[in-house]
């Protein structure tokens, strides 16, 4: 085998292996994004209730998840909303928070979730 043929074979072998390695990680599904959004919404509601020493209360049955965003095969986002009440100086106010999450499937096979939560003050 000449050196040019050997180099061409090596380049072709690497070119064929790279796409296979890239596809080895699992694609992020809507079910993955939904589960992550539900989990983050519950964690956020609990953390806010603890942070406010019970002044904020969220109705978990009204938690809403939706608006899936597909950024590619390995990255998907979803939004969620929390509804409840916030008591300030004895007055009860409506409290709603909107959040979004992004699930990314890493090349290592694990996935990571980034979240953002906004709660307007009324």
N, C-alpha and C. Protein backbone atom coordinates (compact mmCIF):
# COMPACT_ATOMS: atom_id res chain seq x y z
N UNK A 1 0.84 -1.17 0.00
CA UNK A 1 0.00 0.00 0.00
C UNK A 1 0.89 1.24 0.00
N UNK A 2 0.63 2.15 -0.92
CA UNK A 2 1.43 3.37 -0.97
C UNK A 2 0.99 4.30 0.14
N UNK A 3 1.83 5.30 0.43
CA UNK A 3 1.52 6.21 1.54
C UNK A 3 0.28 7.05 1.23
N UNK A 4 0.06 7.40 -0.04
CA UNK A 4 -1.13 8.18 -0.40
C UNK A 4 -2.40 7.37 -0.17
N UNK A 5 -2.36 6.10 -0.52
CA UNK A 5 -3.52 5.22 -0.33
C UNK A 5 -3.75 5.01 1.17
N UNK A 6 -2.69 4.83 1.93
CA UNK A 6 -2.82 4.62 3.37
C UNK A 6 -3.43 5.85 4.04
N UNK A 7 -3.00 7.04 3.63
CA UNK A 7 -3.55 8.28 4.18
C UNK A 7 -5.02 8.42 3.81
N UNK A 8 -5.36 8.11 2.57
CA UNK A 8 -6.76 8.19 2.13
C UNK A 8 -7.63 7.22 2.91
N UNK A 9 -7.14 6.02 3.17
CA UNK A 9 -7.90 5.03 3.94
C UNK A 9 -8.08 5.51 5.37
N UNK A 10 -7.03 6.07 5.96
CA UNK A 10 -7.11 6.58 7.34
C UNK A 10 -8.09 7.73 7.44
N UNK A 11 -8.07 8.66 6.49
CA UNK A 11 -9.00 9.79 6.49
C UNK A 11 -10.43 9.30 6.33
N UNK A 12 -10.65 8.35 5.44
CA UNK A 12 -11.99 7.80 5.23
C UNK A 12 -12.48 7.09 6.49
N UNK A 13 -11.62 6.34 7.15
CA UNK A 13 -12.00 5.63 8.38
C UNK A 13 -12.39 6.61 9.47
N UNK A 14 -11.63 7.69 9.64
CA UNK A 14 -11.96 8.71 10.64
C UNK A 14 -13.25 9.40 10.27
N UNK A 15 -13.46 9.71 9.01
CA UNK A 15 -14.68 10.39 8.57
C UNK A 15 -15.91 9.52 8.83
N UNK A 16 -15.77 8.22 8.73
CA UNK A 16 -16.90 7.33 8.99
C UNK A 16 -17.14 7.14 10.49
N UNK A 17 -16.09 7.21 11.29
CA UNK A 17 -16.24 7.02 12.73
C UNK A 17 -16.82 8.25 13.44
N UNK A 18 -16.50 9.44 12.98
CA UNK A 18 -16.95 10.65 13.66
C UNK A 18 -18.47 10.77 13.70
N UNK A 19 -19.21 10.60 12.60
CA UNK A 19 -20.66 10.68 12.70
C UNK A 19 -21.24 9.59 13.61
N UNK A 20 -20.66 8.42 13.61
CA UNK A 20 -21.16 7.36 14.47
C UNK A 20 -20.97 7.73 15.93
N UNK A 21 -19.84 8.34 16.27
CA UNK A 21 -19.60 8.75 17.65
C UNK A 21 -20.53 9.89 18.05
N UNK A 22 -20.81 10.80 17.12
CA UNK A 22 -21.69 11.92 17.44
C UNK A 22 -23.12 11.45 17.67
N UNK A 23 -23.55 10.41 16.98
CA UNK A 23 -24.91 9.90 17.13
C UNK A 23 -25.03 8.91 18.29
N UNK A 24 -23.91 8.57 18.94
CA UNK A 24 -23.96 7.62 20.03
C UNK A 24 -24.74 8.17 21.22
N UNK A 25 -24.75 9.49 21.40
CA UNK A 25 -25.53 10.05 22.51
C UNK A 25 -27.01 10.02 22.17
N UNK A 26 -27.81 9.97 23.18
CA UNK A 26 -29.26 9.85 23.03
C UNK A 26 -29.89 11.21 22.73
N UNK A 27 -30.78 11.27 21.78
CA UNK A 27 -31.47 12.51 21.45
C UNK A 27 -32.41 12.90 22.60
N UNK A 28 -32.61 14.20 22.78
CA UNK A 28 -33.52 14.69 23.81
C UNK A 28 -34.94 14.67 23.25
N UNK A 29 -35.87 14.05 23.97
CA UNK A 29 -37.25 13.94 23.51
C UNK A 29 -38.14 14.95 24.25
N UNK A 30 -39.35 15.11 23.76
CA UNK A 30 -40.32 15.98 24.45
C UNK A 30 -40.62 15.43 25.84
N UNK A 31 -40.64 14.12 25.98
CA UNK A 31 -40.88 13.51 27.29
C UNK A 31 -39.76 13.86 28.27
N UNK A 32 -38.51 13.89 27.79
CA UNK A 32 -37.38 14.30 28.63
C UNK A 32 -37.55 15.75 29.09
N UNK A 33 -37.92 16.62 28.14
CA UNK A 33 -38.10 18.04 28.45
C UNK A 33 -39.27 18.23 29.42
N UNK A 34 -40.37 17.49 29.21
CA UNK A 34 -41.53 17.59 30.10
C UNK A 34 -41.15 17.17 31.52
N UNK A 35 -40.47 16.04 31.64
CA UNK A 35 -40.08 15.54 32.97
C UNK A 35 -39.15 16.53 33.67
N UNK A 36 -38.21 17.09 32.93
CA UNK A 36 -37.29 18.06 33.52
C UNK A 36 -38.04 19.33 33.95
N UNK A 37 -38.97 19.79 33.12
CA UNK A 37 -39.74 20.99 33.46
C UNK A 37 -40.60 20.75 34.69
N UNK A 38 -41.23 19.59 34.79
CA UNK A 38 -42.05 19.25 35.96
C UNK A 38 -41.18 19.23 37.22
N UNK A 39 -40.02 18.60 37.11
CA UNK A 39 -39.12 18.48 38.25
C UNK A 39 -38.62 19.85 38.70
N UNK A 40 -38.20 20.70 37.75
CA UNK A 40 -37.71 22.03 38.09
C UNK A 40 -38.83 22.90 38.64
N UNK A 41 -40.04 22.78 38.09
CA UNK A 41 -41.18 23.55 38.59
C UNK A 41 -41.47 23.18 40.05
N UNK A 42 -41.47 21.90 40.37
CA UNK A 42 -41.71 21.47 41.76
C UNK A 42 -40.61 21.95 42.68
N UNK A 43 -39.37 21.82 42.25
CA UNK A 43 -38.24 22.28 43.06
C UNK A 43 -38.30 23.79 43.28
N UNK A 44 -38.66 24.53 42.23
CA UNK A 44 -38.75 25.99 42.33
C UNK A 44 -39.85 26.41 43.28
N UNK A 45 -41.01 25.77 43.18
CA UNK A 45 -42.12 26.11 44.05
C UNK A 45 -41.74 25.85 45.51
N UNK A 46 -41.15 24.71 45.77
CA UNK A 46 -40.73 24.38 47.14
C UNK A 46 -39.68 25.34 47.67
N UNK A 47 -38.71 25.70 46.82
CA UNK A 47 -37.66 26.62 47.25
C UNK A 47 -38.22 28.01 47.55
N UNK A 48 -39.15 28.48 46.72
CA UNK A 48 -39.75 29.80 46.97
C UNK A 48 -40.60 29.80 48.23
N UNK A 49 -41.30 28.70 48.48
CA UNK A 49 -42.10 28.61 49.71
C UNK A 49 -41.20 28.63 50.94
N UNK A 50 -40.07 27.91 50.86
CA UNK A 50 -39.13 27.93 51.99
C UNK A 50 -38.46 29.29 52.13
N UNK A 51 -38.10 29.89 51.02
CA UNK A 51 -37.42 31.19 51.03
C UNK A 51 -38.29 32.28 51.66
N UNK A 52 -39.59 32.22 51.41
CA UNK A 52 -40.51 33.23 51.94
C UNK A 52 -41.11 32.83 53.28
N UNK A 53 -40.63 31.74 53.86
CA UNK A 53 -41.12 31.22 55.14
C UNK A 53 -42.63 31.01 55.11
N UNK A 54 -43.14 30.52 54.00
CA UNK A 54 -44.56 30.19 53.88
C UNK A 54 -45.45 31.31 53.39
N UNK A 55 -44.91 32.52 53.17
CA UNK A 55 -45.74 33.62 52.69
C UNK A 55 -46.20 33.36 51.26
N UNK A 56 -45.37 32.68 50.48
CA UNK A 56 -45.76 32.29 49.12
C UNK A 56 -46.23 30.85 49.16
N UNK A 57 -47.35 30.59 48.53
CA UNK A 57 -47.89 29.23 48.46
C UNK A 57 -48.28 28.96 47.01
N UNK A 58 -47.85 27.81 46.49
CA UNK A 58 -48.14 27.46 45.11
C UNK A 58 -49.09 26.28 45.05
N UNK A 59 -50.04 26.36 44.14
CA UNK A 59 -51.00 25.28 43.90
C UNK A 59 -50.36 24.36 42.86
N UNK A 60 -49.79 23.25 43.32
CA UNK A 60 -49.07 22.33 42.42
C UNK A 60 -49.97 21.76 41.33
N UNK A 61 -51.28 21.65 41.60
CA UNK A 61 -52.19 21.09 40.59
C UNK A 61 -52.38 22.03 39.40
N UNK A 62 -52.01 23.30 39.56
CA UNK A 62 -52.16 24.26 38.46
C UNK A 62 -50.87 24.51 37.70
N UNK A 63 -49.82 23.76 38.03
CA UNK A 63 -48.55 23.90 37.31
C UNK A 63 -48.76 23.51 35.86
N UNK A 64 -48.29 24.35 34.97
CA UNK A 64 -48.49 24.14 33.54
C UNK A 64 -47.14 24.00 32.84
N UNK A 65 -47.03 23.02 31.95
CA UNK A 65 -45.81 22.81 31.18
C UNK A 65 -46.18 22.79 29.71
N UNK A 66 -45.39 23.45 28.89
CA UNK A 66 -45.68 23.44 27.45
C UNK A 66 -44.67 24.24 26.66
N UNK A 67 -45.04 24.58 25.44
CA UNK A 67 -44.20 25.37 24.54
C UNK A 67 -42.81 24.75 24.37
N UNK A 68 -42.78 23.58 23.75
CA UNK A 68 -41.52 22.91 23.53
C UNK A 68 -40.76 23.58 22.38
N UNK A 69 -39.47 23.77 22.58
CA UNK A 69 -38.61 24.37 21.57
C UNK A 69 -37.53 23.36 21.20
N UNK A 70 -37.41 23.07 19.92
CA UNK A 70 -36.41 22.12 19.45
C UNK A 70 -35.25 22.92 18.87
N UNK A 71 -34.07 22.81 19.49
CA UNK A 71 -32.89 23.51 19.01
C UNK A 71 -31.99 22.61 18.18
N UNK A 72 -32.32 21.37 18.12
CA UNK A 72 -31.51 20.36 17.43
C UNK A 72 -31.82 19.01 18.03
N UNK A 73 -31.17 18.00 17.53
CA UNK A 73 -31.44 16.64 17.98
C UNK A 73 -31.09 16.44 19.45
N UNK A 74 -30.08 17.16 19.94
CA UNK A 74 -29.58 16.94 21.28
C UNK A 74 -29.89 18.08 22.25
N UNK A 75 -30.79 18.98 21.86
CA UNK A 75 -31.10 20.14 22.71
C UNK A 75 -32.57 20.51 22.56
N UNK A 76 -33.29 20.54 23.66
CA UNK A 76 -34.71 20.87 23.63
C UNK A 76 -35.05 21.71 24.85
N UNK A 77 -36.00 22.62 24.69
CA UNK A 77 -36.43 23.47 25.78
C UNK A 77 -37.93 23.35 26.01
N UNK A 78 -38.37 23.81 27.16
CA UNK A 78 -39.79 23.83 27.49
C UNK A 78 -40.02 24.96 28.48
N UNK A 79 -41.25 25.47 28.51
CA UNK A 79 -41.58 26.50 29.49
C UNK A 79 -42.56 25.93 30.49
N UNK A 80 -42.65 26.57 31.65
CA UNK A 80 -43.60 26.15 32.66
C UNK A 80 -44.10 27.38 33.42
N UNK A 81 -45.23 27.22 34.07
CA UNK A 81 -45.82 28.32 34.86
C UNK A 81 -46.26 27.77 36.21
N UNK A 82 -46.04 28.58 37.23
CA UNK A 82 -46.47 28.26 38.59
C UNK A 82 -47.51 29.31 39.01
N UNK A 83 -48.56 28.86 39.69
CA UNK A 83 -49.61 29.77 40.14
C UNK A 83 -49.81 29.59 41.63
N UNK A 84 -50.02 30.70 42.33
CA UNK A 84 -50.26 30.62 43.76
C UNK A 84 -50.60 31.97 44.34
N UNK A 85 -50.34 32.12 45.64
CA UNK A 85 -50.61 33.37 46.34
C UNK A 85 -49.39 33.78 47.13
N UNK A 86 -49.30 35.07 47.38
CA UNK A 86 -48.23 35.64 48.18
C UNK A 86 -48.87 36.58 49.19
N UNK A 87 -48.59 36.38 50.46
CA UNK A 87 -49.16 37.22 51.51
C UNK A 87 -48.13 38.26 51.93
N UNK A 88 -48.50 39.54 51.78
CA UNK A 88 -47.63 40.65 52.16
C UNK A 88 -48.41 41.55 53.11
N UNK A 89 -47.89 41.74 54.31
CA UNK A 89 -48.55 42.56 55.34
C UNK A 89 -50.01 42.18 55.54
N UNK A 90 -50.28 40.91 55.54
CA UNK A 90 -51.63 40.41 55.77
C UNK A 90 -52.53 40.41 54.55
N UNK A 91 -52.07 40.98 53.42
CA UNK A 91 -52.86 41.01 52.19
C UNK A 91 -52.41 39.87 51.27
N UNK A 92 -53.39 39.17 50.73
CA UNK A 92 -53.09 38.06 49.83
C UNK A 92 -53.11 38.56 48.40
N UNK A 93 -52.03 38.30 47.67
CA UNK A 93 -51.89 38.70 46.27
C UNK A 93 -51.71 37.46 45.40
N UNK A 94 -52.15 37.57 44.16
CA UNK A 94 -51.92 36.49 43.20
C UNK A 94 -50.44 36.46 42.86
N UNK A 95 -49.90 35.28 42.80
CA UNK A 95 -48.48 35.09 42.46
C UNK A 95 -48.39 34.11 41.30
N UNK A 96 -47.70 34.50 40.27
CA UNK A 96 -47.46 33.59 39.16
C UNK A 96 -46.01 33.75 38.73
N UNK A 97 -45.43 32.66 38.36
CA UNK A 97 -44.04 32.64 37.91
C UNK A 97 -43.96 31.89 36.59
N UNK A 98 -43.10 32.37 35.74
CA UNK A 98 -42.88 31.73 34.44
C UNK A 98 -41.42 31.31 34.37
N UNK A 99 -41.21 30.08 33.96
CA UNK A 99 -39.85 29.57 33.86
C UNK A 99 -39.63 28.84 32.55
N UNK A 100 -38.38 28.65 32.25
CA UNK A 100 -38.05 27.83 31.09
C UNK A 100 -36.84 26.98 31.42
N UNK A 101 -36.77 25.86 30.77
CA UNK A 101 -35.65 24.95 30.95
C UNK A 101 -35.08 24.59 29.60
N UNK A 102 -33.85 24.15 29.61
CA UNK A 102 -33.21 23.66 28.40
C UNK A 102 -32.48 22.38 28.76
N UNK A 103 -32.79 21.31 28.07
CA UNK A 103 -32.14 20.01 28.30
C UNK A 103 -31.16 19.78 27.16
N UNK A 104 -29.92 19.49 27.51
CA UNK A 104 -28.88 19.24 26.52
C UNK A 104 -28.27 17.87 26.79
N UNK A 105 -28.24 17.03 25.76
CA UNK A 105 -27.60 15.72 25.86
C UNK A 105 -26.11 15.91 25.59
N UNK A 106 -25.29 15.65 26.59
CA UNK A 106 -23.85 15.81 26.45
C UNK A 106 -23.25 14.64 25.70
N UNK A 107 -22.06 14.84 25.18
CA UNK A 107 -21.39 13.78 24.43
C UNK A 107 -21.03 12.60 25.32
N UNK A 108 -20.93 12.83 26.62
CA UNK A 108 -20.59 11.76 27.56
C UNK A 108 -21.76 10.80 27.79
N UNK A 109 -22.96 11.18 27.30
CA UNK A 109 -24.14 10.34 27.48
C UNK A 109 -25.07 10.86 28.55
N UNK A 110 -24.57 11.74 29.42
CA UNK A 110 -25.43 12.33 30.45
C UNK A 110 -26.14 13.55 29.86
N UNK A 111 -27.11 14.06 30.59
CA UNK A 111 -27.77 15.28 30.13
C UNK A 111 -27.72 16.31 31.23
N UNK A 112 -27.79 17.58 30.84
CA UNK A 112 -27.79 18.65 31.82
C UNK A 112 -29.00 19.54 31.57
N UNK A 113 -29.48 20.15 32.63
CA UNK A 113 -30.66 21.00 32.55
C UNK A 113 -30.30 22.37 33.09
N UNK A 114 -30.59 23.39 32.30
CA UNK A 114 -30.43 24.78 32.75
C UNK A 114 -31.83 25.36 32.88
N UNK A 115 -32.04 26.18 33.90
CA UNK A 115 -33.38 26.72 34.15
C UNK A 115 -33.32 28.20 34.45
N UNK A 116 -34.43 28.87 34.17
CA UNK A 116 -34.58 30.29 34.47
C UNK A 116 -36.02 30.48 34.98
N UNK A 117 -36.20 31.26 36.04
CA UNK A 117 -37.51 31.48 36.63
C UNK A 117 -37.69 32.97 36.88
N UNK A 118 -38.85 33.50 36.48
CA UNK A 118 -39.20 34.90 36.71
C UNK A 118 -40.53 34.97 37.43
N UNK A 119 -40.56 35.70 38.54
CA UNK A 119 -41.77 35.90 39.30
C UNK A 119 -42.04 37.40 39.44
N UNK A 120 -42.91 37.97 38.61
CA UNK A 120 -43.22 39.40 38.74
C UNK A 120 -43.87 39.69 40.09
N UNK A 121 -43.52 40.80 40.68
CA UNK A 121 -44.11 41.18 41.97
C UNK A 121 -45.31 42.05 41.71
N UNK A 122 -46.45 41.68 42.36
CA UNK A 122 -47.67 42.49 42.18
C UNK A 122 -47.94 43.31 43.40
